[in-house]
Amino acid sequence: MRYAFAVTPKNYLLFGCHFVNFGAQVTQGYRYVNYHHLGGKQIEAEAKKAMAQAEGKASELMSDAKSGMRTAEAKMKEGADKITGR
């Protein structure tokens, strides 16, 4: 960034580009340190484990709902058969 002000005339556009690039690099550096050294991997692993548990529970609930629907359909059919005299 110093070069942008060292030249004549001062190059404010070049300074701005360097400043934005510096900010992007600092952000990426923070993300790297956070993931590899501050526990980001463990948090991701725990989130994946929780997601798998939630999917299993959802699957279980879905099968229970399907079973309940089949039971209700059978009772409805039985009731309809009684009404029609079959």
Protein backbone atom coordinates (compact mmCIF):
# COMPACT_ATOMS: atom_id res chain seq x y z
CA MET A 1 0.00 0.00 0.00
CA ARG A 2 2.92 2.34 0.61
CA TYR A 3 3.88 2.27 -3.07
CA ALA A 4 0.52 3.82 -4.01
CA PHE A 5 1.50 6.94 -2.03
CA ALA A 6 5.21 6.85 -2.88
CA VAL A 7 4.66 7.51 -6.60
CA THR A 8 3.83 10.91 -8.05
CA PRO A 9 0.93 11.60 -8.48
CA LYS A 10 -0.47 9.60 -5.60
CA ASN A 11 -2.46 6.61 -6.84
CA TYR A 12 -5.54 6.38 -4.63
CA LEU A 13 -7.16 3.68 -6.77
CA LEU A 14 -4.14 1.40 -6.34
CA PHE A 15 -4.19 2.09 -2.59
CA GLY A 16 -7.87 1.14 -2.44
CA CYS A 17 -7.26 -2.11 -4.33
CA HIS A 18 -4.41 -3.03 -1.99
CA PHE A 19 -6.52 -2.14 1.05
CA VAL A 20 -9.42 -4.36 -0.06
CA ASN A 21 -6.99 -7.20 -0.89
CA PHE A 22 -5.40 -6.86 2.55
CA GLY A 23 -8.84 -7.11 4.17
CA ALA A 24 -9.69 -10.22 2.15
CA GLN A 25 -6.40 -11.90 3.09
CA VAL A 26 -6.87 -11.11 6.78
CA THR A 27 -10.38 -12.58 6.62
CA GLN A 28 -9.14 -15.78 4.97
CA GLY A 29 -6.34 -16.03 7.53
CA TYR A 30 -8.85 -15.72 10.37
CA ARG A 31 -11.06 -18.40 8.82
CA TYR A 32 -8.05 -20.75 8.49
CA VAL A 33 -6.95 -20.26 12.09
CA ASN A 34 -10.51 -20.57 13.37
CA TYR A 35 -11.10 -23.85 11.51
CA HIS A 36 -7.74 -25.56 12.10
CA HIS A 37 -6.67 -24.21 15.49
CA LEU A 38 -9.70 -22.87 17.36
CA GLY A 39 -12.06 -25.85 17.17
CA GLY A 40 -13.84 -25.37 13.86
CA LYS A 41 -13.26 -29.01 12.86
CA GLN A 42 -14.78 -30.32 16.07
CA ILE A 43 -17.83 -28.09 15.72
CA GLU A 44 -18.34 -29.30 12.16
CA ALA A 45 -18.05 -32.94 13.26
CA GLU A 46 -20.55 -32.41 16.07
CA ALA A 47 -22.95 -30.69 13.67
CA LYS A 48 -22.72 -33.61 11.23
CA LYS A 49 -23.37 -36.07 14.06
CA ALA A 50 -26.40 -34.10 15.23
CA MET A 51 -27.70 -33.90 11.66
CA ALA A 52 -27.43 -37.68 11.29
CA GLN A 53 -29.35 -38.17 14.54
CA ALA A 54 -32.04 -35.75 13.41
CA GLU A 55 -32.38 -37.54 10.08
CA GLY A 56 -32.74 -40.87 11.88
CA LYS A 57 -35.41 -39.45 14.17
CA ALA A 58 -37.26 -37.92 11.20
CA SER A 59 -37.17 -41.25 9.39
CA GLU A 60 -38.53 -43.00 12.47
CA LEU A 61 -41.35 -40.47 12.80
CA MET A 62 -42.18 -40.80 9.12
CA SER A 63 -42.50 -44.57 9.36
CA ASP A 64 -44.72 -44.17 12.46
CA ALA A 65 -46.92 -41.72 10.55
CA LYS A 66 -47.21 -44.09 7.59
CA SER A 67 -48.16 -46.94 9.93
CA GLY A 68 -50.80 -44.76 11.58
CA MET A 69 -52.18 -43.81 8.16
CA ARG A 70 -52.48 -47.45 7.14
CA THR A 71 -54.34 -48.20 10.37
CA ALA A 72 -56.69 -45.27 9.84
CA GLU A 73 -57.36 -46.29 6.24
CA ALA A 74 -58.17 -49.85 7.35
CA LYS A 75 -60.60 -48.58 10.01
CA MET A 76 -62.25 -46.24 7.51
CA LYS A 77 -62.66 -49.08 5.03
CA GLU A 78 -64.05 -51.32 7.79
CA GLY A 79 -66.55 -48.62 8.77
CA ALA A 80 -67.55 -48.05 5.16
CA ASP A 81 -68.07 -51.80 4.72
CA LYS A 82 -70.34 -51.87 7.80
CA ILE A 83 -72.40 -48.97 6.44
CA THR A 84 -72.78 -50.50 2.98
CA GLY A 85 -73.45 -53.95 4.42
CA ARG A 86 -70.53 -55.79 2.86
